PDB file of N, CA and C in Angstrom:
ATOM      1  N   MET A   1     -16.407   7.948   0.295  1.00  0.00           N
ATOM      2  CA  MET A   1     -17.149   9.104   0.721  1.00  0.00           C
ATOM      3  C   MET A   1     -18.378   8.636   1.491  1.00  0.00           C
ATOM      4  N   ASN A   2     -18.612   9.323   2.579  1.00  0.00           N
ATOM      5  CA  ASN A   2     -19.764   8.969   3.400  1.00  0.00           C
ATOM      6  C   ASN A   2     -20.236  10.205   4.160  1.00  0.00           C
ATOM      7  N   GLY A   3     -21.181  10.042   5.050  1.00  0.00           N
ATOM      8  CA  GLY A   3     -21.726  11.154   5.809  1.00  0.00           C
ATOM      9  C   GLY A   3     -20.699  11.894   6.640  1.00  0.00           C
ATOM     10  N   GLU A   4     -19.615  11.231   6.987  1.00  0.00           N
ATOM     11  CA  GLU A   4     -18.566  11.876   7.777  1.00  0.00           C
ATOM     12  C   GLU A   4     -17.621  12.702   6.917  1.00  0.00           C
ATOM     13  N   THR A   5     -17.476  12.351   5.649  1.00  0.00           N
ATOM     14  CA  THR A   5     -16.507  13.029   4.792  1.00  0.00           C
ATOM     15  C   THR A   5     -17.140  14.045   3.841  1.00  0.00           C
ATOM     16  N   LEU A   6     -18.465  13.983   3.650  1.00  0.00           N
ATOM     17  CA  LEU A   6     -19.143  14.929   2.768  1.00  0.00           C
ATOM     18  C   LEU A   6     -19.477  16.216   3.525  1.00  0.00           C
ATOM     19  N   PRO A   7     -19.634  17.338   2.799  1.00  0.00           N
ATOM     20  CA  PRO A   7     -19.954  18.600   3.466  1.00  0.00           C
ATOM     21  C   PRO A   7     -21.317  18.542   4.168  1.00  0.00           C
ATOM     22  N   PRO A   8     -21.505  19.355   5.211  1.00  0.00           N
ATOM     23  CA  PRO A   8     -22.803  19.398   5.899  1.00  0.00           C
ATOM     24  C   PRO A   8     -23.917  19.780   4.927  1.00  0.00           C
ATOM     25  N   GLY A   9     -25.049  19.122   5.023  1.00  0.00           N
ATOM     26  CA  GLY A   9     -26.190  19.425   4.158  1.00  0.00           C
ATOM     27  C   GLY A   9     -26.116  18.815   2.778  1.00  0.00           C
ATOM     28  N   PHE A  10     -25.089  18.016   2.488  1.00  0.00           N
ATOM     29  CA  PHE A  10     -24.954  17.405   1.164  1.00  0.00           C
ATOM     30  C   PHE A  10     -26.114  16.453   0.905  1.00  0.00           C
ATOM     31  N   ASP A  11     -26.754  16.602  -0.264  1.00  0.00           N
ATOM     32  CA  ASP A  11     -27.889  15.752  -0.613  1.00  0.00           C
ATOM     33  C   ASP A  11     -27.965  15.621  -2.132  1.00  0.00           C
ATOM     34  N   VAL A  12     -27.681  14.425  -2.667  1.00  0.00           N
ATOM     35  CA  VAL A  12     -27.727  14.230  -4.122  1.00  0.00           C
ATOM     36  C   VAL A  12     -29.137  14.398  -4.660  1.00  0.00           C
ATOM     37  N   ARG A  13     -30.156  14.194  -3.828  1.00  0.00           N
ATOM     38  CA  ARG A  13     -31.547  14.364  -4.275  1.00  0.00           C
ATOM     39  C   ARG A  13     -31.853  15.824  -4.607  1.00  0.00           C
ATOM     40  N   GLU A  14     -31.052  16.739  -4.061  1.00  0.00           N
ATOM     41  CA  GLU A  14     -31.227  18.163  -4.354  1.00  0.00           C
ATOM     42  C   GLU A  14     -30.341  18.616  -5.507  1.00  0.00           C
ATOM     43  N   GLY A  15     -29.674  17.673  -6.145  1.00  0.00           N
ATOM     44  CA  GLY A  15     -28.850  18.004  -7.309  1.00  0.00           C
ATOM     45  C   GLY A  15     -27.391  18.287  -7.004  1.00  0.00           C
ATOM     46  N   PHE A  16     -26.972  18.073  -5.758  1.00  0.00           N
ATOM     47  CA  PHE A  16     -25.573  18.287  -5.420  1.00  0.00           C
ATOM     48  C   PHE A  16     -24.718  17.297  -6.221  1.00  0.00           C
ATOM     49  N   LEU A  17     -23.603  17.765  -6.735  1.00  0.00           N
ATOM     50  CA  LEU A  17     -22.722  16.909  -7.520  1.00  0.00           C
ATOM     51  C   LEU A  17     -21.675  16.264  -6.630  1.00  0.00           C
ATOM     52  N   LEU A  18     -21.340  15.047  -6.970  1.00  0.00           N
ATOM     53  CA  LEU A  18     -20.326  14.299  -6.255  1.00  0.00           C
ATOM     54  C   LEU A  18     -19.201  14.020  -7.237  1.00  0.00           C
ATOM     55  N   SER A  19     -18.030  14.548  -6.945  1.00  0.00           N
ATOM     56  CA  SER A  19     -16.910  14.307  -7.849  1.00  0.00           C
ATOM     57  C   SER A  19     -15.652  14.023  -7.042  1.00  0.00           C
ATOM     58  N   ALA A  20     -14.789  13.249  -7.632  1.00  0.00           N
ATOM     59  CA  ALA A  20     -13.522  12.908  -6.987  1.00  0.00           C
ATOM     60  C   ALA A  20     -12.466  12.788  -8.073  1.00  0.00           C
ATOM     61  N   GLY A  21     -11.250  12.969  -7.711  1.00  0.00           N
ATOM     62  CA  GLY A  21     -10.183  12.864  -8.694  1.00  0.00           C
ATOM     63  C   GLY A  21      -8.892  12.403  -8.057  1.00  0.00           C
ATOM     64  N   GLU A  22      -8.021  11.957  -8.896  1.00  0.00           N
ATOM     65  CA  GLU A  22      -6.710  11.490  -8.456  1.00  0.00           C
ATOM     66  C   GLU A  22      -5.705  11.880  -9.535  1.00  0.00           C
ATOM     67  N   VAL A  23      -4.572  12.377  -9.129  1.00  0.00           N
ATOM     68  CA  VAL A  23      -3.518  12.752 -10.077  1.00  0.00           C
ATOM     69  C   VAL A  23      -2.412  11.719  -9.986  1.00  0.00           C
ATOM     70  N   ILE A  24      -2.067  11.150 -11.129  1.00  0.00           N
ATOM     71  CA  ILE A  24      -0.993  10.160 -11.197  1.00  0.00           C
ATOM     72  C   ILE A  24      -0.004  10.633 -12.253  1.00  0.00           C
ATOM     73  N   PRO A  25       1.224  10.985 -11.867  1.00  0.00           N
ATOM     74  CA  PRO A  25       2.201  11.458 -12.848  1.00  0.00           C
ATOM     75  C   PRO A  25       2.643  10.321 -13.778  1.00  0.00           C
ATOM     76  N   LEU A  26       2.336  10.463 -15.050  1.00  0.00           N
ATOM     77  CA  LEU A  26       2.659   9.400 -16.006  1.00  0.00           C
ATOM     78  C   LEU A  26       4.151   9.287 -16.271  1.00  0.00           C
ATOM     79  N   ALA A  27       4.931  10.301 -15.903  1.00  0.00           N
ATOM     80  CA  ALA A  27       6.379  10.242 -16.100  1.00  0.00           C
ATOM     81  C   ALA A  27       7.010   9.105 -15.299  1.00  0.00           C
ATOM     82  N   SER A  28       6.333   8.638 -14.270  1.00  0.00           N
ATOM     83  CA  SER A  28       6.875   7.555 -13.456  1.00  0.00           C
ATOM     84  C   SER A  28       6.645   6.169 -14.081  1.00  0.00           C
ATOM     85  N   PHE A  29       5.878   6.102 -15.184  1.00  0.00           N
ATOM     86  CA  PHE A  29       5.603   4.835 -15.862  1.00  0.00           C
ATOM     87  C   PHE A  29       6.602   4.613 -16.990  1.00  0.00           C
ATOM     88  N   SER A  30       6.994   3.384 -17.208  1.00  0.00           N
ATOM     89  CA  SER A  30       7.817   3.033 -18.365  1.00  0.00           C
ATOM     90  C   SER A  30       6.954   3.041 -19.612  1.00  0.00           C
ATOM     91  N   ALA A  31       7.587   3.201 -20.783  1.00  0.00           N
ATOM     92  CA  ALA A  31       6.846   3.130 -22.042  1.00  0.00           C
ATOM     93  C   ALA A  31       6.174   1.763 -22.146  1.00  0.00           C
ATOM     94  N   GLY A  32       4.947   1.754 -22.655  1.00  0.00           N
ATOM     95  CA  GLY A  32       4.230   0.489 -22.805  1.00  0.00           C
ATOM     96  C   GLY A  32       2.727   0.690 -22.813  1.00  0.00           C
ATOM     97  N   ASP A  33       2.012  -0.418 -22.898  1.00  0.00           N
ATOM     98  CA  ASP A  33       0.545  -0.411 -22.904  1.00  0.00           C
ATOM     99  C   ASP A  33       0.044  -0.695 -21.487  1.00  0.00           C
ATOM    100  N   TYR A  34      -1.009   0.028 -21.105  1.00  0.00           N
ATOM    101  CA  TYR A  34      -1.552  -0.102 -19.759  1.00  0.00           C
ATOM    102  C   TYR A  34      -3.068  -0.206 -19.805  1.00  0.00           C
ATOM    103  N   ARG A  35      -3.620  -0.743 -18.733  1.00  0.00           N
ATOM    104  CA  ARG A  35      -5.071  -0.816 -18.547  1.00  0.00           C
ATOM    105  C   ARG A  35      -5.385  -0.231 -17.180  1.00  0.00           C
ATOM    106  N   LEU A  36      -6.338   0.697 -17.141  1.00  0.00           N
ATOM    107  CA  LEU A  36      -6.804   1.281 -15.893  1.00  0.00           C
ATOM    108  C   LEU A  36      -8.212   0.765 -15.636  1.00  0.00           C
ATOM    109  N   ALA A  37      -8.432   0.159 -14.486  1.00  0.00           N
ATOM    110  CA  ALA A  37      -9.754  -0.350 -14.111  1.00  0.00           C
ATOM    111  C   ALA A  37     -10.156   0.290 -12.796  1.00  0.00           C
ATOM    112  N   ILE A  38     -11.322   0.907 -12.777  1.00  0.00           N
ATOM    113  CA  ILE A  38     -11.838   1.548 -11.573  1.00  0.00           C
ATOM    114  C   ILE A  38     -13.182   0.901 -11.248  1.00  0.00           C
ATOM    115  N   THR A  39     -13.303   0.392 -10.045  1.00  0.00           N
ATOM    116  CA  THR A  39     -14.559  -0.221  -9.633  1.00  0.00           C
ATOM    117  C   THR A  39     -15.386   0.790  -8.844  1.00  0.00           C
ATOM    118  N   VAL A  40     -16.633   0.975  -9.269  1.00  0.00           N
ATOM    119  CA  VAL A  40     -17.576   1.855  -8.588  1.00  0.00           C
ATOM    120  C   VAL A  40     -18.674   0.971  -8.011  1.00  0.00           C
ATOM    121  N   THR A  41     -18.917   1.114  -6.708  1.00  0.00           N
ATOM    122  CA  THR A  41     -19.908   0.288  -6.031  1.00  0.00           C
ATOM    123  C   THR A  41     -21.051   1.147  -5.500  1.00  0.00           C
ATOM    124  N   ASP A  42     -22.268   0.759  -5.845  1.00  0.00           N
ATOM    125  CA  ASP A  42     -23.475   1.394  -5.305  1.00  0.00           C
ATOM    126  C   ASP A  42     -23.894   0.543  -4.106  1.00  0.00           C
ATOM    127  N   ASN A  43     -23.568   1.011  -2.915  1.00  0.00           N
ATOM    128  CA  ASN A  43     -23.844   0.225  -1.711  1.00  0.00           C
ATOM    129  C   ASN A  43     -25.338   0.065  -1.443  1.00  0.00           C
ATOM    130  N   GLU A  44     -26.121   1.051  -1.820  1.00  0.00           N
ATOM    131  CA  GLU A  44     -27.560   0.958  -1.572  1.00  0.00           C
ATOM    132  C   GLU A  44     -28.250   0.079  -2.604  1.00  0.00           C
ATOM    133  N   GLY A  45     -27.827   0.167  -3.855  1.00  0.00           N
ATOM    134  CA  GLY A  45     -28.456  -0.609  -4.911  1.00  0.00           C
ATOM    135  C   GLY A  45     -27.798  -1.953  -5.151  1.00  0.00           C
ATOM    136  N   SER A  46     -26.744  -2.240  -4.395  1.00  0.00           N
ATOM    137  CA  SER A  46     -26.011  -3.508  -4.528  1.00  0.00           C
ATOM    138  C   SER A  46     -25.561  -3.754  -5.959  1.00  0.00           C
ATOM    139  N   ALA A  47     -25.100  -2.705  -6.629  1.00  0.00           N
ATOM    140  CA  ALA A  47     -24.610  -2.829  -8.000  1.00  0.00           C
ATOM    141  C   ALA A  47     -23.145  -2.413  -8.043  1.00  0.00           C
ATOM    142  N   GLU A  48     -22.440  -2.931  -9.043  1.00  0.00           N
ATOM    143  CA  GLU A  48     -21.028  -2.629  -9.191  1.00  0.00           C
ATOM    144  C   GLU A  48     -20.687  -2.586 -10.669  1.00  0.00           C
ATOM    145  N   VAL A  49     -19.810  -1.673 -11.061  1.00  0.00           N
ATOM    146  CA  VAL A  49     -19.361  -1.584 -12.446  1.00  0.00           C
ATOM    147  C   VAL A  49     -17.857  -1.320 -12.436  1.00  0.00           C
ATOM    148  N   THR A  50     -17.144  -1.956 -13.374  1.00  0.00           N
ATOM    149  CA  THR A  50     -15.699  -1.776 -13.500  1.00  0.00           C
ATOM    150  C   THR A  50     -15.348  -1.558 -14.965  1.00  0.00           C
ATOM    151  N   PRO A  51     -15.392  -0.297 -15.418  1.00  0.00           N
ATOM    152  CA  PRO A  51     -14.997  -0.043 -16.802  1.00  0.00           C
ATOM    153  C   PRO A  51     -13.469  -0.086 -16.944  1.00  0.00           C
ATOM    154  N   ASP A  52     -12.988  -0.496 -18.104  1.00  0.00           N
ATOM    155  CA  ASP A  52     -11.560  -0.521 -18.411  1.00  0.00           C
ATOM    156  C   ASP A  52     -11.225   0.624 -19.353  1.00  0.00           C
ATOM    157  N   VAL A  53     -10.087   1.263 -19.118  1.00  0.00           N
ATOM    158  CA  VAL A  53      -9.557   2.285 -20.026  1.00  0.00           C
ATOM    159  C   VAL A  53      -8.157   1.833 -20.403  1.00  0.00           C
ATOM    160  N   PHE A  54      -7.919   1.707 -21.696  1.00  0.00           N
ATOM    161  CA  PHE A  54      -6.613   1.280 -22.180  1.00  0.00           C
ATOM    162  C   PHE A  54      -5.863   2.501 -22.699  1.00  0.00           C
ATOM    163  N   PHE A  55      -4.558   2.584 -22.394  1.00  0.00           N
ATOM    164  CA  PHE A  55      -3.763   3.695 -22.896  1.00  0.00           C
ATOM    165  C   PHE A  55      -2.323   3.248 -23.092  1.00  0.00           C
ATOM    166  N   THR A  56      -1.596   4.014 -23.892  1.00  0.00           N
ATOM    167  CA  THR A  56      -0.208   3.709 -24.217  1.00  0.00           C
ATOM    168  C   THR A  56       0.662   4.892 -23.841  1.00  0.00           C
ATOM    169  N   ILE A  57       1.782   4.608 -23.208  1.00  0.00           N
ATOM    170  CA  ILE A  57       2.788   5.620 -22.943  1.00  0.00           C
ATOM    171  C   ILE A  57       3.951   5.346 -23.886  1.00  0.00           C
ATOM    172  N   GLU A  58       4.266   6.352 -24.688  1.00  0.00           N
ATOM    173  CA  GLU A  58       5.328   6.200 -25.674  1.00  0.00           C
ATOM    174  C   GLU A  58       6.630   6.790 -25.139  1.00  0.00           C
ATOM    175  N   GLY A  59       7.736   6.161 -25.485  1.00  0.00           N
ATOM    176  CA  GLY A  59       9.054   6.663 -25.085  1.00  0.00           C
ATOM    177  C   GLY A  59       9.459   7.839 -25.944  1.00  0.00           C
ATOM    178  N   SER A  60      10.397   8.619 -25.443  1.00  0.00           N
ATOM    179  CA  SER A  60      10.834   9.801 -26.207  1.00  0.00           C
ATOM    180  C   SER A  60      12.030   9.512 -27.076  1.00  0.00           C
TER     181      SER A  60
END
């Protein structure tokens, strides 16, 4: 997301919220244990965080 993709007048300093999402159908995964890692980069603050989320898909 950047100035070209955000709505006109968008400003986080005014309290505008920034949200994004992705839908991934879990039916396409085989049963098993998985780890989801998403890296978030703060380009201005030169910081980066990559939290891990572990989950299990069970067979029927």
